[in-house]
Amino acid sequence: MRTEPDTILIVEDDVFISMDAADSVSKAGANVVTTETVRDALEFLDNGRVTAAILDFQVLDGVVTPVVERLRSAGIPYRVVSGTPAQEIIALGIPADRIVSKPADYFKIFVSLINDRPWASLRATN
């Protein structure tokens, strides 16, 4: 039985960081979808299927807490990667173990997402 590769959503408004993250994750064999805004990320989550997400905390249209809430409710693992002090992010309800400081190694972040749960339990069933 052939399964499709996992899809990782990357929300990052710095084009160079986004390209680095996407390159690291795609080299690991996953499909990558990138967005620069909370609005676009939420729209993709409404219409697409993701296995996990890597989110910059502050993007063009605000902080990513609405995306985090959507991911949490769907049981999708995520990491918030940011230069913002961790205490500011934690104060908005994002657990410390989900926060990674910039600069970051996106391959290691991808591996940490894999270790959150077995991929098979994250795949949507039809």
PDB file of N, CA and C in Angstrom:
ATOM      1  N   MET A   1       0.835  -1.178   0.000  1.00  0.00           N
ATOM      2  CA  MET A   1       0.000   0.000   0.000  1.00  0.00           C
ATOM      3  C   MET A   1       0.882   1.244   0.000  1.00  0.00           C
ATOM      4  N   ARG A   2       0.634   2.136  -0.917  1.00  0.00           N
ATOM      5  CA  ARG A   2       1.423   3.355  -1.022  1.00  0.00           C
ATOM      6  C   ARG A   2       0.741   4.477  -0.243  1.00  0.00           C
ATOM      7  N   THR A   3       1.510   5.161   0.584  1.00  0.00           N
ATOM      8  CA  THR A   3       0.966   6.299   1.311  1.00  0.00           C
ATOM      9  C   THR A   3       1.638   7.561   0.811  1.00  0.00           C
ATOM     10  N   GLU A   4       0.918   8.657   0.886  1.00  0.00           N
ATOM     11  CA  GLU A   4       1.505   9.910   0.449  1.00  0.00           C
ATOM     12  C   GLU A   4       2.407  10.468   1.545  1.00  0.00           C
ATOM     13  N   PRO A   5       3.410  11.248   1.158  1.00  0.00           N
ATOM     14  CA  PRO A   5       4.314  11.821   2.158  1.00  0.00           C
ATOM     15  C   PRO A   5       3.559  12.743   3.111  1.00  0.00           C
ATOM     16  N   ASP A   6       4.112  12.882   4.292  1.00  0.00           N
ATOM     17  CA  ASP A   6       3.541  13.799   5.266  1.00  0.00           C
ATOM     18  C   ASP A   6       3.684  15.233   4.771  1.00  0.00           C
ATOM     19  N   THR A   7       2.762  16.085   5.170  1.00  0.00           N
ATOM     20  CA  THR A   7       2.785  17.486   4.782  1.00  0.00           C
ATOM     21  C   THR A   7       3.018  18.344   6.016  1.00  0.00           C
ATOM     22  N   ILE A   8       4.046  19.183   5.942  1.00  0.00           N
ATOM     23  CA  ILE A   8       4.397  20.073   7.042  1.00  0.00           C
ATOM     24  C   ILE A   8       4.057  21.501   6.631  1.00  0.00           C
ATOM     25  N   LEU A   9       3.283  22.176   7.462  1.00  0.00           N
ATOM     26  CA  LEU A   9       2.954  23.581   7.250  1.00  0.00           C
ATOM     27  C   LEU A   9       4.015  24.443   7.916  1.00  0.00           C
ATOM     28  N   ILE A  10       4.607  25.347   7.165  1.00  0.00           N
ATOM     29  CA  ILE A  10       5.579  26.290   7.708  1.00  0.00           C
ATOM     30  C   ILE A  10       4.992  27.692   7.561  1.00  0.00           C
ATOM     31  N   VAL A  11       4.851  28.387   8.687  1.00  0.00           N
ATOM     32  CA  VAL A  11       4.338  29.749   8.678  1.00  0.00           C
ATOM     33  C   VAL A  11       5.493  30.659   9.093  1.00  0.00           C
ATOM     34  N   GLU A  12       6.006  31.401   8.125  1.00  0.00           N
ATOM     35  CA  GLU A  12       7.197  32.246   8.344  1.00  0.00           C
ATOM     36  C   GLU A  12       7.168  33.395   7.348  1.00  0.00           C
ATOM     37  N   ASP A  13       7.345  34.632   7.830  1.00  0.00           N
ATOM     38  CA  ASP A  13       7.276  35.778   6.925  1.00  0.00           C
ATOM     39  C   ASP A  13       8.636  36.251   6.422  1.00  0.00           C
ATOM     40  N   ASP A  14       9.720  35.710   6.934  1.00  0.00           N
ATOM     41  CA  ASP A  14      11.051  36.031   6.405  1.00  0.00           C
ATOM     42  C   ASP A  14      11.357  35.011   5.311  1.00  0.00           C
ATOM     43  N   VAL A  15      11.479  35.485   4.079  1.00  0.00           N
ATOM     44  CA  VAL A  15      11.615  34.584   2.934  1.00  0.00           C
ATOM     45  C   VAL A  15      12.844  33.681   3.048  1.00  0.00           C
ATOM     46  N   PHE A  16      13.942  34.185   3.563  1.00  0.00           N
ATOM     47  CA  PHE A  16      15.152  33.372   3.665  1.00  0.00           C
ATOM     48  C   PHE A  16      15.009  32.280   4.717  1.00  0.00           C
ATOM     49  N   ILE A  17      14.406  32.612   5.843  1.00  0.00           N
ATOM     50  CA  ILE A  17      14.167  31.607   6.883  1.00  0.00           C
ATOM     51  C   ILE A  17      13.166  30.570   6.371  1.00  0.00           C
ATOM     52  N   SER A  18      12.130  31.038   5.691  1.00  0.00           N
ATOM     53  CA  SER A  18      11.131  30.127   5.141  1.00  0.00           C
ATOM     54  C   SER A  18      11.761  29.150   4.152  1.00  0.00           C
ATOM     55  N   MET A  19      12.628  29.666   3.280  1.00  0.00           N
ATOM     56  CA  MET A  19      13.303  28.802   2.310  1.00  0.00           C
ATOM     57  C   MET A  19      14.209  27.793   3.004  1.00  0.00           C
ATOM     58  N   ASP A  20      14.938  28.221   4.039  1.00  0.00           N
ATOM     59  CA  ASP A  20      15.812  27.321   4.786  1.00  0.00           C
ATOM     60  C   ASP A  20      14.997  26.220   5.460  1.00  0.00           C
ATOM     61  N   ALA A  21      13.908  26.610   6.108  1.00  0.00           N
ATOM     62  CA  ALA A  21      13.058  25.631   6.793  1.00  0.00           C
ATOM     63  C   ALA A  21      12.462  24.648   5.790  1.00  0.00           C
ATOM     64  N   ALA A  22      11.924  25.175   4.697  1.00  0.00           N
ATOM     65  CA  ALA A  22      11.310  24.312   3.685  1.00  0.00           C
ATOM     66  C   ALA A  22      12.324  23.348   3.081  1.00  0.00           C
ATOM     67  N   ASP A  23      13.527  23.833   2.816  1.00  0.00           N
ATOM     68  CA  ASP A  23      14.579  22.987   2.251  1.00  0.00           C
ATOM     69  C   ASP A  23      14.943  21.863   3.221  1.00  0.00           C
ATOM     70  N   SER A  24      15.115  22.205   4.488  1.00  0.00           N
ATOM     71  CA  SER A  24      15.479  21.198   5.495  1.00  0.00           C
ATOM     72  C   SER A  24      14.410  20.122   5.631  1.00  0.00           C
ATOM     73  N   VAL A  25      13.163  20.533   5.666  1.00  0.00           N
ATOM     74  CA  VAL A  25      12.067  19.583   5.850  1.00  0.00           C
ATOM     75  C   VAL A  25      11.840  18.754   4.588  1.00  0.00           C
ATOM     76  N   SER A  26      11.917  19.380   3.419  1.00  0.00           N
ATOM     77  CA  SER A  26      11.691  18.617   2.187  1.00  0.00           C
ATOM     78  C   SER A  26      12.806  17.599   1.953  1.00  0.00           C
ATOM     79  N   LYS A  27      14.032  17.926   2.355  1.00  0.00           N
ATOM     80  CA  LYS A  27      15.131  16.955   2.226  1.00  0.00           C
ATOM     81  C   LYS A  27      14.899  15.729   3.100  1.00  0.00           C
ATOM     82  N   ALA A  28      14.103  15.890   4.145  1.00  0.00           N
ATOM     83  CA  ALA A  28      13.768  14.764   5.014  1.00  0.00           C
ATOM     84  C   ALA A  28      12.640  13.912   4.426  1.00  0.00           C
ATOM     85  N   GLY A  29      12.093  14.338   3.277  1.00  0.00           N
ATOM     86  CA  GLY A  29      11.098  13.529   2.587  1.00  0.00           C
ATOM     87  C   GLY A  29       9.656  13.962   2.765  1.00  0.00           C
ATOM     88  N   ALA A  30       9.427  15.088   3.406  1.00  0.00           N
ATOM     89  CA  ALA A  30       8.054  15.555   3.608  1.00  0.00           C
ATOM     90  C   ALA A  30       7.668  16.577   2.548  1.00  0.00           C
ATOM     91  N   ASN A  31       6.384  16.673   2.289  1.00  0.00           N
ATOM     92  CA  ASN A  31       5.863  17.770   1.486  1.00  0.00           C
ATOM     93  C   ASN A  31       5.850  19.006   2.383  1.00  0.00           C
ATOM     94  N   VAL A  32       6.018  20.165   1.784  1.00  0.00           N
ATOM     95  CA  VAL A  32       6.053  21.403   2.549  1.00  0.00           C
ATOM     96  C   VAL A  32       5.084  22.396   1.931  1.00  0.00           C
ATOM     97  N   VAL A  33       4.317  23.057   2.790  1.00  0.00           N
ATOM     98  CA  VAL A  33       3.463  24.158   2.391  1.00  0.00           C
ATOM     99  C   VAL A  33       3.905  25.348   3.229  1.00  0.00           C
ATOM    100  N   THR A  34       4.203  26.478   2.578  1.00  0.00           N
ATOM    101  CA  THR A  34       4.621  27.661   3.316  1.00  0.00           C
ATOM    102  C   THR A  34       3.582  28.770   3.167  1.00  0.00           C
ATOM    103  N   THR A  35       3.400  29.508   4.246  1.00  0.00           N
ATOM    104  CA  THR A  35       2.567  30.702   4.226  1.00  0.00           C
ATOM    105  C   THR A  35       3.298  31.789   5.011  1.00  0.00           C
ATOM    106  N   GLU A  36       2.894  33.030   4.769  1.00  0.00           N
ATOM    107  CA  GLU A  36       3.512  34.171   5.455  1.00  0.00           C
ATOM    108  C   GLU A  36       2.585  34.828   6.460  1.00  0.00           C
ATOM    109  N   THR A  37       1.324  34.402   6.500  1.00  0.00           N
ATOM    110  CA  THR A  37       0.355  35.059   7.369  1.00  0.00           C
ATOM    111  C   THR A  37      -0.495  34.047   8.131  1.00  0.00           C
ATOM    112  N   VAL A  38      -1.056  34.509   9.231  1.00  0.00           N
ATOM    113  CA  VAL A  38      -2.002  33.709  10.012  1.00  0.00           C
ATOM    114  C   VAL A  38      -3.220  33.393   9.135  1.00  0.00           C
ATOM    115  N   ARG A  39      -3.707  34.402   8.431  1.00  0.00           N
ATOM    116  CA  ARG A  39      -4.893  34.229   7.581  1.00  0.00           C
ATOM    117  C   ARG A  39      -4.689  33.119   6.555  1.00  0.00           C
ATOM    118  N   ASP A  40      -3.541  33.134   5.867  1.00  0.00           N
ATOM    119  CA  ASP A  40      -3.271  32.107   4.862  1.00  0.00           C
ATOM    120  C   ASP A  40      -3.097  30.726   5.496  1.00  0.00           C
ATOM    121  N   ALA A  41      -2.475  30.685   6.668  1.00  0.00           N
ATOM    122  CA  ALA A  41      -2.299  29.401   7.357  1.00  0.00           C
ATOM    123  C   ALA A  41      -3.648  28.811   7.751  1.00  0.00           C
ATOM    124  N   LEU A  42      -4.534  29.643   8.297  1.00  0.00           N
ATOM    125  CA  LEU A  42      -5.863  29.157   8.677  1.00  0.00           C
ATOM    126  C   LEU A  42      -6.651  28.707   7.461  1.00  0.00           C
ATOM    127  N   GLU A  43      -6.527  29.440   6.359  1.00  0.00           N
ATOM    128  CA  GLU A  43      -7.205  29.046   5.124  1.00  0.00           C
ATOM    129  C   GLU A  43      -6.692  27.693   4.638  1.00  0.00           C
ATOM    130  N   PHE A  44      -5.374  27.495   4.705  1.00  0.00           N
ATOM    131  CA  PHE A  44      -4.833  26.205   4.280  1.00  0.00           C
ATOM    132  C   PHE A  44      -5.346  25.093   5.193  1.00  0.00           C
ATOM    133  N   LEU A  45      -5.378  25.345   6.499  1.00  0.00           N
ATOM    134  CA  LEU A  45      -5.864  24.323   7.430  1.00  0.00           C
ATOM    135  C   LEU A  45      -7.333  23.985   7.177  1.00  0.00           C
ATOM    136  N   ASP A  46      -8.098  24.951   6.686  1.00  0.00           N
ATOM    137  CA  ASP A  46      -9.504  24.690   6.339  1.00  0.00           C
ATOM    138  C   ASP A  46      -9.623  23.768   5.134  1.00  0.00           C
ATOM    139  N   ASN A  47      -8.655  23.872   4.207  1.00  0.00           N
ATOM    140  CA  ASN A  47      -8.782  23.179   2.925  1.00  0.00           C
ATOM    141  C   ASN A  47      -7.757  22.088   2.671  1.00  0.00           C
ATOM    142  N   GLY A  48      -6.699  22.037   3.472  1.00  0.00           N
ATOM    143  CA  GLY A  48      -5.637  21.070   3.238  1.00  0.00           C
ATOM    144  C   GLY A  48      -5.406  20.197   4.453  1.00  0.00           C
ATOM    145  N   ARG A  49      -4.575  19.221   4.253  1.00  0.00           N
ATOM    146  CA  ARG A  49      -4.273  18.265   5.311  1.00  0.00           C
ATOM    147  C   ARG A  49      -2.799  18.409   5.680  1.00  0.00           C
ATOM    148  N   VAL A  50      -2.508  18.603   6.963  1.00  0.00           N
ATOM    149  CA  VAL A  50      -1.122  18.679   7.404  1.00  0.00           C
ATOM    150  C   VAL A  50      -0.876  17.653   8.497  1.00  0.00           C
ATOM    151  N   THR A  51       0.373  17.248   8.589  1.00  0.00           N
ATOM    152  CA  THR A  51       0.782  16.287   9.599  1.00  0.00           C
ATOM    153  C   THR A  51       1.362  16.990  10.815  1.00  0.00           C
ATOM    154  N   ALA A  52       2.017  18.135  10.569  1.00  0.00           N
ATOM    155  CA  ALA A  52       2.652  18.899  11.638  1.00  0.00           C
ATOM    156  C   ALA A  52       2.906  20.313  11.123  1.00  0.00           C
ATOM    157  N   ALA A  53       3.297  21.215  12.049  1.00  0.00           N
ATOM    158  CA  ALA A  53       3.525  22.594  11.633  1.00  0.00           C
ATOM    159  C   ALA A  53       4.706  23.206  12.386  1.00  0.00           C
ATOM    160  N   ILE A  54       5.398  24.081  11.672  1.00  0.00           N
ATOM    161  CA  ILE A  54       6.487  24.878  12.226  1.00  0.00           C
ATOM    162  C   ILE A  54       6.083  26.334  12.020  1.00  0.00           C
ATOM    163  N   LEU A  55       5.961  27.078  13.121  1.00  0.00           N
ATOM    164  CA  LEU A  55       5.385  28.411  13.072  1.00  0.00           C
ATOM    165  C   LEU A  55       6.328  29.461  13.641  1.00  0.00           C
ATOM    166  N   ASP A  56       6.522  30.543  12.906  1.00  0.00           N
ATOM    167  CA  ASP A  56       7.147  31.721  13.496  1.00  0.00           C
ATOM    168  C   ASP A  56       6.082  32.328  14.404  1.00  0.00           C
ATOM    169  N   PHE A  57       6.472  32.899  15.516  1.00  0.00           N
ATOM    170  CA  PHE A  57       5.493  33.437  16.466  1.00  0.00           C
ATOM    171  C   PHE A  57       4.800  34.688  15.937  1.00  0.00           C
ATOM    172  N   GLN A  58       5.580  35.609  15.388  1.00  0.00           N
ATOM    173  CA  GLN A  58       5.049  36.883  14.895  1.00  0.00           C
ATOM    174  C   GLN A  58       5.247  36.932  13.383  1.00  0.00           C
ATOM    175  N   VAL A  59       4.137  36.950  12.650  1.00  0.00           N
ATOM    176  CA  VAL A  59       4.217  37.037  11.192  1.00  0.00           C
ATOM    177  C   VAL A  59       3.534  38.319  10.727  1.00  0.00           C
ATOM    178  N   LEU A  60       3.394  38.489   9.427  1.00  0.00           N
ATOM    179  CA  LEU A  60       2.931  39.751   8.852  1.00  0.00           C
ATOM    180  C   LEU A  60       1.628  40.278   9.443  1.00  0.00           C
ATOM    181  N   ASP A  61       0.691  39.391   9.749  1.00  0.00           N
ATOM    182  CA  ASP A  61      -0.606  39.860  10.241  1.00  0.00           C
ATOM    183  C   ASP A  61      -0.859  39.541  11.716  1.00  0.00           C
ATOM    184  N   GLY A  62       0.209  39.303  12.489  1.00  0.00           N
ATOM    185  CA  GLY A  62       0.031  39.122  13.929  1.00  0.00           C
ATOM    186  C   GLY A  62       0.685  37.867  14.461  1.00  0.00           C
ATOM    187  N   VAL A  63       0.333  37.532  15.702  1.00  0.00           N
ATOM    188  CA  VAL A  63       0.888  36.341  16.333  1.00  0.00           C
ATOM    189  C   VAL A  63       0.092  35.110  15.901  1.00  0.00           C
ATOM    190  N   VAL A  64       0.731  33.951  15.970  1.00  0.00           N
ATOM    191  CA  VAL A  64       0.159  32.724  15.409  1.00  0.00           C
ATOM    192  C   VAL A  64      -0.741  31.956  16.372  1.00  0.00           C
ATOM    193  N   THR A  65      -1.147  32.566  17.465  1.00  0.00           N
ATOM    194  CA  THR A  65      -1.981  31.839  18.426  1.00  0.00           C
ATOM    195  C   THR A  65      -3.266  31.253  17.808  1.00  0.00           C
ATOM    196  N   PRO A  66      -3.933  31.917  16.847  1.00  0.00           N
ATOM    197  CA  PRO A  66      -5.107  31.258  16.242  1.00  0.00           C
ATOM    198  C   PRO A  66      -4.736  29.971  15.486  1.00  0.00           C
ATOM    199  N   VAL A  67      -3.565  29.952  14.885  1.00  0.00           N
ATOM    200  CA  VAL A  67      -3.104  28.750  14.189  1.00  0.00           C
ATOM    201  C   VAL A  67      -2.799  27.659  15.211  1.00  0.00           C
ATOM    202  N   VAL A  68      -2.133  28.027  16.305  1.00  0.00           N
ATOM    203  CA  VAL A  68      -1.826  27.070  17.367  1.00  0.00           C
ATOM    204  C   VAL A  68      -3.116  26.462  17.913  1.00  0.00           C
ATOM    205  N   GLU A  69      -4.120  27.290  18.153  1.00  0.00           N
ATOM    206  CA  GLU A  69      -5.401  26.777  18.671  1.00  0.00           C
ATOM    207  C   GLU A  69      -6.031  25.783  17.705  1.00  0.00           C
ATOM    208  N   ARG A  70      -5.983  26.077  16.425  1.00  0.00           N
ATOM    209  CA  ARG A  70      -6.549  25.165  15.427  1.00  0.00           C
ATOM    210  C   ARG A  70      -5.773  23.847  15.398  1.00  0.00           C
ATOM    211  N   LEU A  71      -4.433  23.931  15.441  1.00  0.00           N
ATOM    212  CA  LEU A  71      -3.613  22.724  15.434  1.00  0.00           C
ATOM    213  C   LEU A  71      -3.878  21.874  16.677  1.00  0.00           C
ATOM    214  N   ARG A  72      -3.922  22.533  17.829  1.00  0.00           N
ATOM    215  CA  ARG A  72      -4.205  21.808  19.085  1.00  0.00           C
ATOM    216  C   ARG A  72      -5.536  21.073  19.010  1.00  0.00           C
ATOM    217  N   SER A  73      -6.580  21.758  18.550  1.00  0.00           N
ATOM    218  CA  SER A  73      -7.904  21.133  18.509  1.00  0.00           C
ATOM    219  C   SER A  73      -7.944  19.948  17.550  1.00  0.00           C
ATOM    220  N   ALA A  74      -7.079  19.969  16.549  1.00  0.00           N
ATOM    221  CA  ALA A  74      -7.013  18.860  15.584  1.00  0.00           C
ATOM    222  C   ALA A  74      -5.997  17.793  15.994  1.00  0.00           C
ATOM    223  N   GLY A  75      -5.261  18.022  17.088  1.00  0.00           N
ATOM    224  CA  GLY A  75      -4.257  17.051  17.530  1.00  0.00           C
ATOM    225  C   GLY A  75      -3.024  17.011  16.652  1.00  0.00           C
ATOM    226  N   ILE A  76      -2.728  18.117  15.992  1.00  0.00           N
ATOM    227  CA  ILE A  76      -1.576  18.182  15.089  1.00  0.00           C
ATOM    228  C   ILE A  76      -0.392  18.792  15.829  1.00  0.00           C
ATOM    229  N   PRO A  77       0.754  18.116  15.864  1.00  0.00           N
ATOM    230  CA  PRO A  77       1.914  18.660  16.578  1.00  0.00           C
ATOM    231  C   PRO A  77       2.488  19.892  15.877  1.00  0.00           C
ATOM    232  N   TYR A  78       3.081  20.754  16.673  1.00  0.00           N
ATOM    233  CA  TYR A  78       3.637  21.996  16.147  1.00  0.00           C
ATOM    234  C   TYR A  78       4.815  22.438  17.005  1.00  0.00           C
ATOM    235  N   ARG A  79       5.613  23.328  16.432  1.00  0.00           N
ATOM    236  CA  ARG A  79       6.657  24.034  17.159  1.00  0.00           C
ATOM    237  C   ARG A  79       6.566  25.496  16.768  1.00  0.00           C
ATOM    238  N   VAL A  80       6.768  26.369  17.736  1.00  0.00           N
ATOM    239  CA  VAL A  80       6.828  27.803  17.503  1.00  0.00           C
ATOM    240  C   VAL A  80       8.292  28.194  17.563  1.00  0.00           C
ATOM    241  N   VAL A  81       8.794  28.748  16.470  1.00  0.00           N
ATOM    242  CA  VAL A  81      10.201  29.134  16.361  1.00  0.00           C
ATOM    243  C   VAL A  81      10.239  30.656  16.339  1.00  0.00           C
ATOM    244  N   SER A  82      10.990  31.258  17.283  1.00  0.00           N
ATOM    245  CA  SER A  82      10.898  32.708  17.363  1.00  0.00           C
ATOM    246  C   SER A  82      12.097  33.334  18.045  1.00  0.00           C
ATOM    247  N   GLY A  83      12.300  34.597  17.722  1.00  0.00           N
ATOM    248  CA  GLY A  83      13.273  35.424  18.415  1.00  0.00           C
ATOM    249  C   GLY A  83      12.629  36.159  19.578  1.00  0.00           C
ATOM    250  N   THR A  84      11.316  36.069  19.697  1.00  0.00           N
ATOM    251  CA  THR A  84      10.586  36.675  20.815  1.00  0.00           C
ATOM    252  C   THR A  84      10.954  35.931  22.097  1.00  0.00           C
ATOM    253  N   PRO A  85      11.142  36.636  23.209  1.00  0.00           N
ATOM    254  CA  PRO A  85      11.436  35.945  24.468  1.00  0.00           C
ATOM    255  C   PRO A  85      10.368  34.898  24.798  1.00  0.00           C
ATOM    256  N   ALA A  86      10.816  33.733  25.224  1.00  0.00           N
ATOM    257  CA  ALA A  86       9.916  32.610  25.495  1.00  0.00           C
ATOM    258  C   ALA A  86       8.813  32.979  26.483  1.00  0.00           C
ATOM    259  N   GLN A  87       9.114  33.796  27.486  1.00  0.00           N
ATOM    260  CA  GLN A  87       8.103  34.153  28.484  1.00  0.00           C
ATOM    261  C   GLN A  87       6.910  34.874  27.857  1.00  0.00           C
ATOM    262  N   GLU A  88       7.159  35.678  26.832  1.00  0.00           N
ATOM    263  CA  GLU A  88       6.060  36.372  26.146  1.00  0.00           C
ATOM    264  C   GLU A  88       5.171  35.381  25.401  1.00  0.00           C
ATOM    265  N   ILE A  89       5.787  34.360  24.848  1.00  0.00           N
ATOM    266  CA  ILE A  89       5.026  33.337  24.117  1.00  0.00           C
ATOM    267  C   ILE A  89       4.255  32.460  25.097  1.00  0.00           C
ATOM    268  N   ILE A  90       4.911  32.071  26.176  1.00  0.00           N
ATOM    269  CA  ILE A  90       4.274  31.248  27.209  1.00  0.00           C
ATOM    270  C   ILE A  90       3.073  31.985  27.800  1.00  0.00           C
ATOM    271  N   ALA A  91       3.196  33.293  27.969  1.00  0.00           N
ATOM    272  CA  ALA A  91       2.110  34.095  28.542  1.00  0.00           C
ATOM    273  C   ALA A  91       0.842  34.034  27.689  1.00  0.00           C
ATOM    274  N   LEU A  92       0.986  33.693  26.410  1.00  0.00           N
ATOM    275  CA  LEU A  92      -0.173  33.566  25.529  1.00  0.00           C
ATOM    276  C   LEU A  92      -0.669  32.126  25.425  1.00  0.00           C
ATOM    277  N   GLY A  93      -0.186  31.255  26.318  1.00  0.00           N
ATOM    278  CA  GLY A  93      -0.710  29.901  26.404  1.00  0.00           C
ATOM    279  C   GLY A  93       0.012  28.842  25.601  1.00  0.00           C
ATOM    280  N   ILE A  94       1.147  29.166  25.049  1.00  0.00           N
ATOM    281  CA  ILE A  94       1.907  28.176  24.292  1.00  0.00           C
ATOM    282  C   ILE A  94       2.934  27.555  25.233  1.00  0.00           C
ATOM    283  N   PRO A  95       2.906  26.239  25.404  1.00  0.00           N
ATOM    284  CA  PRO A  95       3.815  25.583  26.353  1.00  0.00           C
ATOM    285  C   PRO A  95       5.287  25.754  25.974  1.00  0.00           C
ATOM    286  N   ALA A  96       6.121  25.848  26.992  1.00  0.00           N
ATOM    287  CA  ALA A  96       7.562  26.043  26.797  1.00  0.00           C
ATOM    288  C   ALA A  96       8.185  24.941  25.954  1.00  0.00           C
ATOM    289  N   ASP A  97       7.679  23.700  26.078  1.00  0.00           N
ATOM    290  CA  ASP A  97       8.274  22.599  25.316  1.00  0.00           C
ATOM    291  C   ASP A  97       7.903  22.629  23.831  1.00  0.00           C
ATOM    292  N   ARG A  98       7.100  23.598  23.427  1.00  0.00           N
ATOM    293  CA  ARG A  98       6.749  23.758  22.012  1.00  0.00           C
ATOM    294  C   ARG A  98       7.469  24.944  21.378  1.00  0.00           C
ATOM    295  N   ILE A  99       8.337  25.607  22.139  1.00  0.00           N
ATOM    296  CA  ILE A  99       9.011  26.817  21.682  1.00  0.00           C
ATOM    297  C   ILE A  99      10.480  26.530  21.399  1.00  0.00           C
ATOM    298  N   VAL A 100      10.954  27.009  20.255  1.00  0.00           N
ATOM    299  CA  VAL A 100      12.354  26.876  19.859  1.00  0.00           C
ATOM    300  C   VAL A 100      12.858  28.280  19.525  1.00  0.00           C
ATOM    301  N   SER A 101      14.023  28.632  20.036  1.00  0.00           N
ATOM    302  CA  SER A 101      14.604  29.956  19.767  1.00  0.00           C
ATOM    303  C   SER A 101      15.275  29.991  18.408  1.00  0.00           C
ATOM    304  N   LYS A 102      15.192  31.163  17.762  1.00  0.00           N
ATOM    305  CA  LYS A 102      15.935  31.405  16.525  1.00  0.00           C
ATOM    306  C   LYS A 102      17.336  31.863  16.886  1.00  0.00           C
ATOM    307  N   PRO A 103      18.332  31.543  16.081  1.00  0.00           N
ATOM    308  CA  PRO A 103      18.275  30.716  14.876  1.00  0.00           C
ATOM    309  C   PRO A 103      18.049  29.256  15.244  1.00  0.00           C
ATOM    310  N   ALA A 104      17.414  28.533  14.349  1.00  0.00           N
ATOM    311  CA  ALA A 104      17.022  27.160  14.643  1.00  0.00           C
ATOM    312  C   ALA A 104      17.492  26.209  13.554  1.00  0.00           C
ATOM    313  N   ASP A 105      17.640  24.951  13.954  1.00  0.00           N
ATOM    314  CA  ASP A 105      17.957  23.874  13.025  1.00  0.00           C
ATOM    315  C   ASP A 105      16.631  23.209  12.661  1.00  0.00           C
ATOM    316  N   TYR A 106      16.130  23.492  11.472  1.00  0.00           N
ATOM    317  CA  TYR A 106      14.797  23.039  11.097  1.00  0.00           C
ATOM    318  C   TYR A 106      14.706  21.528  10.897  1.00  0.00           C
ATOM    319  N   PHE A 107      15.803  20.889  10.559  1.00  0.00           N
ATOM    320  CA  PHE A 107      15.782  19.436  10.488  1.00  0.00           C
ATOM    321  C   PHE A 107      15.559  18.861  11.886  1.00  0.00           C
ATOM    322  N   LYS A 108      16.238  19.403  12.886  1.00  0.00           N
ATOM    323  CA  LYS A 108      16.042  18.929  14.267  1.00  0.00           C
ATOM    324  C   LYS A 108      14.620  19.191  14.749  1.00  0.00           C
ATOM    325  N   ILE A 109      14.062  20.316  14.340  1.00  0.00           N
ATOM    326  CA  ILE A 109      12.672  20.600  14.711  1.00  0.00           C
ATOM    327  C   ILE A 109      11.752  19.560  14.082  1.00  0.00           C
ATOM    328  N   PHE A 110      11.980  19.246  12.819  1.00  0.00           N
ATOM    329  CA  PHE A 110      11.195  18.222  12.135  1.00  0.00           C
ATOM    330  C   PHE A 110      11.286  16.888  12.871  1.00  0.00           C
ATOM    331  N   VAL A 111      12.491  16.502  13.272  1.00  0.00           N
ATOM    332  CA  VAL A 111      12.679  15.254  14.021  1.00  0.00           C
ATOM    333  C   VAL A 111      11.910  15.301  15.341  1.00  0.00           C
ATOM    334  N   SER A 112      11.934  16.446  16.018  1.00  0.00           N
ATOM    335  CA  SER A 112      11.202  16.543  17.284  1.00  0.00           C
ATOM    336  C   SER A 112       9.697  16.397  17.062  1.00  0.00           C
ATOM    337  N   LEU A 113       9.210  16.880  15.932  1.00  0.00           N
ATOM    338  CA  LEU A 113       7.795  16.700  15.611  1.00  0.00           C
ATOM    339  C   LEU A 113       7.472  15.231  15.366  1.00  0.00           C
ATOM    340  N   ILE A 114       8.363  14.531  14.696  1.00  0.00           N
ATOM    341  CA  ILE A 114       8.176  13.096  14.469  1.00  0.00           C
ATOM    342  C   ILE A 114       8.092  12.368  15.808  1.00  0.00           C
ATOM    343  N   ASN A 115       8.926  12.772  16.735  1.00  0.00           N
ATOM    344  CA  ASN A 115       8.958  12.107  18.038  1.00  0.00           C
ATOM    345  C   ASN A 115       7.756  12.428  18.911  1.00  0.00           C
ATOM    346  N   ASP A 116       6.975  13.443  18.568  1.00  0.00           N
ATOM    347  CA  ASP A 116       5.778  13.758  19.344  1.00  0.00           C
ATOM    348  C   ASP A 116       4.771  12.615  19.338  1.00  0.00           C
ATOM    349  N   ARG A 117       4.565  12.050  18.166  1.00  0.00           N
ATOM    350  CA  ARG A 117       3.599  10.970  18.011  1.00  0.00           C
ATOM    351  C   ARG A 117       3.976  10.143  16.789  1.00  0.00           C
ATOM    352  N   PRO A 118       3.544   8.916  16.770  1.00  0.00           N
ATOM    353  CA  PRO A 118       3.761   8.142  15.544  1.00  0.00           C
ATOM    354  C   PRO A 118       2.998   8.789  14.387  1.00  0.00           C
ATOM    355  N   TRP A 119       3.651   8.909  13.244  1.00  0.00           N
ATOM    356  CA  TRP A 119       2.989   9.532  12.093  1.00  0.00           C
ATOM    357  C   TRP A 119       1.675   8.844  11.756  1.00  0.00           C
ATOM    358  N   ALA A 120       1.637   7.543  11.856  1.00  0.00           N
ATOM    359  CA  ALA A 120       0.433   6.812  11.465  1.00  0.00           C
ATOM    360  C   ALA A 120      -0.778   7.304  12.238  1.00  0.00           C
ATOM    361  N   SER A 121      -0.627   7.687  13.493  1.00  0.00           N
ATOM    362  CA  SER A 121      -1.774   8.138  14.268  1.00  0.00           C
ATOM    363  C   SER A 121      -2.225   9.528  13.848  1.00  0.00           C
ATOM    364  N   LEU A 122      -1.396  10.237  13.094  1.00  0.00           N
ATOM    365  CA  LEU A 122      -1.742  11.587  12.665  1.00  0.00           C
ATOM    366  C   LEU A 122      -2.413  11.626  11.311  1.00  0.00           C
ATOM    367  N   ARG A 123      -2.290  10.576  10.559  1.00  0.00           N
ATOM    368  CA  ARG A 123      -2.875  10.574   9.215  1.00  0.00           C
ATOM    369  C   ARG A 123      -4.389  10.524   9.304  1.00  0.00           C
ATOM    370  N   ALA A 124      -5.019  11.373   8.565  1.00  0.00           N
ATOM    371  CA  ALA A 124      -6.476  11.393   8.545  1.00  0.00           C
ATOM    372  C   ALA A 124      -6.977  10.155   7.812  1.00  0.00           C
ATOM    373  N   THR A 125      -8.068   9.618   8.280  1.00  0.00           N
ATOM    374  CA  THR A 125      -8.681   8.483   7.594  1.00  0.00           C
ATOM    375  C   THR A 125      -9.934   8.970   6.915  1.00  0.00           C
ATOM    376  N   ASN A 126     -10.196   8.389   5.790  1.00  0.00           N
ATOM    377  CA  ASN A 126     -11.402   8.793   5.036  1.00  0.00           C
ATOM    378  C   ASN A 126     -12.534   7.858   5.302  1.00  0.00           C
TER     379      ASN A 126
END
